[in-house]
Amino acid sequence: MRVRSAAFVLAGLVTFAVCRAESEEPAPLATPSTTPAQTPAGEIAAMHSQVPQALLEPVLDKAAALAKVGREQLVIVRAEPALWNDGSLGCPEPGVGYTQALVNGYWVVIKAAGQTYDFRMGRGGSYRLCPAGQGHPPLPSADPI
């Protein structure tokens, strides 16, 4: 008896939900009201959830300090997982030896005050700023992390 009652109640709820959904007008498509250059870095950081916020925060602070601007003036160009071909994270320094193993991490590129800042980091969160023109892209991979 209980099973039959539960099924009856469930059928009623489903019917109600379907009828209500059909009677409501569809919501209009959202149109972005700002361009990426006008979106504060905190909101942009939330959109780039591929990089954990705890790892992204120090990079945003460093970029703002280097550019001598507030974080709201930063534009995140790239914030994504990366598979680096060795411990140099795609940014080797001449004469330095690196771990010769694949390294999971992240690639974050930020623009501010007319400059581009190319940050490379391992999965643990340690990061380095790669000088302009010195870096190599990560290895192609569908899901490195």
Protein backbone atom coordinates (compact mmCIF):
# COMPACT_ATOMS: atom_id res chain seq x y z
CA MET A 1 0.00 0.00 0.00
CA ARG A 2 2.80 2.41 0.89
CA VAL A 3 4.56 1.79 -2.41
CA ARG A 4 1.38 2.53 -4.34
CA SER A 5 0.82 5.76 -2.34
CA ALA A 6 4.41 6.87 -2.87
CA ALA A 7 4.13 6.19 -6.60
CA PHE A 8 0.88 8.19 -6.77
CA VAL A 9 2.46 11.17 -4.95
CA LEU A 10 5.56 11.02 -7.15
CA ALA A 11 3.46 10.93 -10.32
CA GLY A 12 1.53 13.97 -9.12
CA LEU A 13 4.71 15.91 -8.40
CA VAL A 14 6.16 15.10 -11.82
CA THR A 15 2.93 16.15 -13.55
CA PHE A 16 2.87 19.41 -11.59
CA ALA A 17 6.50 20.18 -12.44
CA VAL A 18 5.99 19.48 -16.16
CA CYS A 19 2.82 21.58 -16.34
CA ARG A 20 4.45 24.44 -14.50
CA ALA A 21 7.57 24.36 -16.69
CA GLU A 22 5.45 24.43 -19.84
CA SER A 23 3.44 27.40 -18.63
CA GLU A 24 6.42 29.57 -17.72
CA GLU A 25 8.06 31.69 -20.36
CA PRO A 26 11.67 30.79 -21.06
CA ALA A 27 14.24 33.07 -19.48
CA PRO A 28 16.01 35.36 -21.92
CA LEU A 29 19.56 34.46 -22.81
CA ALA A 30 22.06 36.31 -20.68
CA THR A 31 24.17 38.83 -22.52
CA PRO A 32 27.50 39.70 -20.93
CA SER A 33 27.43 43.30 -19.79
CA THR A 34 31.19 43.78 -19.58
CA THR A 35 34.18 42.91 -21.66
CA PRO A 36 36.99 40.85 -20.10
CA ALA A 37 39.12 43.99 -19.75
CA GLN A 38 36.38 45.54 -17.60
CA THR A 39 35.73 42.50 -15.42
CA PRO A 40 37.45 42.63 -12.01
CA ALA A 41 40.15 40.01 -11.50
CA GLY A 42 38.18 38.37 -8.68
CA GLU A 43 35.24 37.70 -11.00
CA ILE A 44 37.58 36.56 -13.77
CA ALA A 45 39.30 34.24 -11.31
CA ALA A 46 35.95 32.65 -10.52
CA MET A 47 35.35 32.08 -14.24
CA HIS A 48 38.71 30.33 -14.52
CA SER A 49 37.91 27.59 -12.07
CA GLN A 50 40.32 25.20 -13.82
CA VAL A 51 43.01 26.65 -11.55
CA PRO A 52 42.24 26.31 -7.86
CA GLN A 53 41.56 29.71 -6.29
CA ALA A 54 44.14 29.09 -3.55
CA LEU A 55 46.84 28.68 -6.23
CA LEU A 56 45.61 31.60 -8.33
CA GLU A 57 45.56 34.17 -5.50
CA PRO A 58 49.37 34.54 -5.04
CA VAL A 59 49.84 34.83 -8.81
CA LEU A 60 47.25 37.62 -8.98
CA ASP A 61 48.95 39.41 -6.08
CA LYS A 62 52.36 39.10 -7.77
CA ALA A 63 51.07 40.34 -11.13
CA ALA A 64 49.41 43.35 -9.48
CA ALA A 65 52.63 44.16 -7.62
CA LEU A 66 54.77 43.85 -10.75
CA ALA A 67 52.41 46.01 -12.80
CA LYS A 68 51.92 48.45 -9.91
CA VAL A 69 48.14 48.31 -10.34
CA GLY A 70 45.18 47.13 -8.30
CA ARG A 71 43.96 43.59 -8.82
CA GLU A 72 40.79 44.95 -10.40
CA GLN A 73 42.92 46.10 -13.36
CA LEU A 74 44.30 42.63 -14.10
CA VAL A 75 43.01 40.69 -17.08
CA ILE A 76 43.46 36.93 -16.99
CA VAL A 77 44.22 35.82 -20.52
CA ARG A 78 44.79 32.16 -19.68
CA ALA A 79 44.33 30.05 -16.54
CA GLU A 80 44.36 26.35 -17.28
CA PRO A 81 45.84 23.00 -16.34
CA ALA A 82 49.09 22.18 -18.10
CA LEU A 83 51.35 19.19 -18.57
CA TRP A 84 54.95 20.38 -18.63
CA ASN A 85 57.65 18.27 -20.30
CA ASP A 86 60.11 18.67 -17.39
CA GLY A 87 60.79 20.50 -14.13
CA SER A 88 61.50 23.77 -15.97
CA LEU A 89 57.72 24.13 -16.48
CA GLY A 90 58.34 25.11 -20.08
CA CYS A 91 60.62 27.97 -19.09
CA PRO A 92 64.20 26.70 -18.83
CA GLU A 93 67.03 28.90 -17.64
CA PRO A 94 70.40 28.37 -19.37
CA GLY A 95 72.81 26.25 -17.35
CA VAL A 96 70.19 24.95 -14.90
CA GLY A 97 69.39 21.24 -14.62
CA TYR A 98 65.76 20.16 -14.26
CA THR A 99 63.87 17.04 -13.32
CA GLN A 100 63.40 15.05 -16.50
CA ALA A 101 59.85 13.91 -15.87
CA LEU A 102 56.41 15.10 -16.86
CA VAL A 103 55.06 17.68 -14.41
CA ASN A 104 51.36 18.39 -13.90
CA GLY A 105 50.64 22.02 -13.18
CA TYR A 106 49.01 25.17 -14.45
CA TRP A 107 49.64 27.97 -16.94
CA VAL A 108 48.39 31.44 -16.06
CA VAL A 109 48.88 34.47 -18.30
CA ILE A 110 47.84 37.90 -17.04
CA LYS A 111 47.83 41.29 -18.77
CA ALA A 112 48.13 44.53 -16.84
CA ALA A 113 49.37 48.02 -17.61
CA GLY A 114 50.40 47.07 -21.14
CA GLN A 115 52.52 44.12 -19.98
CA THR A 116 51.94 40.37 -20.19
CA TYR A 117 52.95 38.17 -17.27
CA ASP A 118 53.46 34.46 -18.02
CA PHE A 119 53.26 32.36 -14.85
CA ARG A 120 54.06 28.66 -14.74
CA MET A 121 53.29 26.53 -11.71
CA GLY A 122 53.43 22.99 -10.48
CA ARG A 123 50.40 21.27 -9.02
CA GLY A 124 51.60 22.14 -5.51
CA GLY A 125 51.29 25.85 -6.19
CA SER A 126 54.90 26.99 -6.42
CA TYR A 127 55.11 29.34 -9.37
CA ARG A 128 57.63 31.16 -11.49
CA LEU A 129 57.38 34.08 -13.84
CA CYS A 130 58.64 33.18 -17.29
CA PRO A 131 60.42 36.08 -19.05
CA ALA A 132 58.81 37.23 -22.30
CA GLY A 133 59.83 35.09 -25.27
CA GLN A 134 61.58 32.47 -23.13
CA GLY A 135 58.71 30.05 -22.51
CA HIS A 136 57.47 27.03 -24.38
CA PRO A 137 53.82 25.90 -24.37
CA PRO A 138 52.85 22.82 -22.37
CA LEU A 139 52.43 19.40 -23.91
CA PRO A 140 49.08 18.78 -25.56
CA SER A 141 46.83 16.83 -23.24
CA ALA A 142 43.09 16.53 -22.76
CA ASP A 143 43.23 16.54 -18.94
CA PRO A 144 46.73 16.81 -17.44
CA ILE A 145 45.69 17.20 -13.78
